[in-house]
Amino acid sequence: MASDDIIRVDVDDEGVRWAGETVRASENCTIRLIVLKDGGSAAARQSVLEIFHSLGTTGEGIEKFRMVALDVPPTANLPKIRQLWEHGDGKG
């Protein structure tokens, strides 16, 4: 799922809502990255967000998982995003 997707929600017998099938997909995608630098510190996560923001993404850091979630709209610089992601992946 990505931002602006429309999904079906199912409610179980206890009233808990569960994400179901995608009814209408947006043109956005979500990329999640584990930040290894400095143990995934807040500063390291913010640095990753800023680097990708310059390529047209928005996002947020998730402290519990040392992760960032990037919202990538179709207007973002996808070739540069992929190049940066692969560079980071190669560096560990």
Protein backbone atom coordinates (compact mmCIF):
# COMPACT_ATOMS: atom_id res chain seq x y z
CA MET A 1 0.00 0.00 0.00
CA ALA A 2 1.06 3.56 -0.67
CA SER A 3 -0.34 6.98 0.11
CA ASP A 4 -3.54 7.79 -1.75
CA ASP A 5 -4.33 4.11 -2.41
CA ILE A 6 -7.94 3.23 -1.69
CA ILE A 7 -8.33 -0.07 0.09
CA ARG A 8 -11.18 -2.24 1.29
CA VAL A 9 -11.35 -2.58 5.07
CA ASP A 10 -12.72 -5.70 6.72
CA VAL A 11 -14.01 -5.64 10.30
CA ASP A 12 -13.73 -8.80 12.37
CA ASP A 13 -16.17 -10.00 15.06
CA GLU A 14 -14.33 -7.95 17.70
CA GLY A 15 -14.58 -4.73 15.69
CA VAL A 16 -10.92 -4.71 14.66
CA ARG A 17 -10.36 -3.27 11.20
CA TRP A 18 -8.02 -5.09 8.82
CA ALA A 19 -6.63 -3.78 5.54
CA GLY A 20 -7.99 -5.78 2.64
CA GLU A 21 -7.57 -5.63 -1.09
CA THR A 22 -6.62 -2.50 -3.00
CA VAL A 23 -9.69 -1.02 -4.66
CA ARG A 24 -7.83 1.73 -6.51
CA ALA A 25 -4.07 2.08 -6.59
CA SER A 26 -2.48 5.50 -6.68
CA GLU A 27 0.62 6.15 -8.73
CA ASN A 28 2.66 6.49 -5.52
CA CYS A 29 4.87 3.86 -3.99
CA THR A 30 6.28 3.45 -0.50
CA ILE A 31 9.86 2.41 0.11
CA ARG A 32 11.02 1.38 3.57
CA LEU A 33 14.71 1.50 4.43
CA ILE A 34 16.49 0.23 7.53
CA VAL A 35 19.05 2.82 8.61
CA LEU A 36 22.27 1.19 9.82
CA LYS A 37 24.42 4.31 10.24
CA ASP A 38 24.86 5.27 13.91
CA GLY A 39 22.51 2.48 14.95
CA GLY A 40 19.60 4.12 13.15
CA SER A 41 19.77 7.24 15.33
CA ALA A 42 17.30 10.08 14.87
CA ALA A 43 20.02 12.14 13.19
CA ALA A 44 20.88 9.30 10.79
CA ARG A 45 17.21 8.77 9.89
CA GLN A 46 16.74 12.50 9.32
CA SER A 47 19.80 12.57 7.08
CA VAL A 48 18.35 9.80 4.91
CA LEU A 49 14.99 11.60 4.70
CA GLU A 50 16.71 14.83 3.63
CA ILE A 51 18.79 13.15 0.94
CA PHE A 52 15.77 11.47 -0.61
CA HIS A 53 13.63 14.60 -0.15
CA SER A 54 15.94 16.39 -2.56
CA LEU A 55 14.84 13.81 -5.17
CA GLY A 56 11.12 14.49 -4.70
CA THR A 57 10.08 12.19 -1.86
CA THR A 58 8.49 12.83 1.50
CA GLY A 59 8.64 10.48 4.44
CA GLU A 60 9.01 9.79 8.10
CA GLY A 61 11.39 8.08 10.49
CA ILE A 62 10.27 5.14 12.61
CA GLU A 63 12.45 4.97 15.72
CA LYS A 64 11.33 1.55 16.93
CA PHE A 65 12.56 -0.16 13.76
CA ARG A 66 15.47 2.20 12.88
CA MET A 67 13.61 2.72 9.62
CA VAL A 68 12.45 5.43 7.28
CA ALA A 69 9.37 5.16 5.11
CA LEU A 70 9.57 7.15 1.90
CA ASP A 71 6.51 8.22 -0.07
CA VAL A 72 7.56 8.33 -3.71
CA PRO A 73 5.17 10.14 -6.07
CA PRO A 74 5.37 9.58 -9.83
CA THR A 75 6.97 13.02 -10.22
CA ALA A 76 10.01 12.03 -8.12
CA ASN A 77 13.37 11.39 -9.77
CA LEU A 78 13.04 7.58 -9.87
CA PRO A 79 16.35 6.82 -11.63
CA LYS A 80 18.29 8.88 -9.06
CA ILE A 81 16.32 7.34 -6.17
CA ARG A 82 17.18 3.86 -7.40
CA GLN A 83 20.83 4.81 -7.91
CA LEU A 84 21.05 6.23 -4.38
CA TRP A 85 19.29 3.20 -2.90
CA GLU A 86 21.61 0.76 -4.69
CA HIS A 87 24.65 2.76 -3.60
CA GLY A 88 23.52 2.61 0.03
CA ASP A 89 22.70 -1.08 -0.26
CA GLY A 90 26.18 -1.78 -1.64
CA LYS A 91 27.76 0.11 1.26
CA GLY A 92 25.73 -1.92 3.78
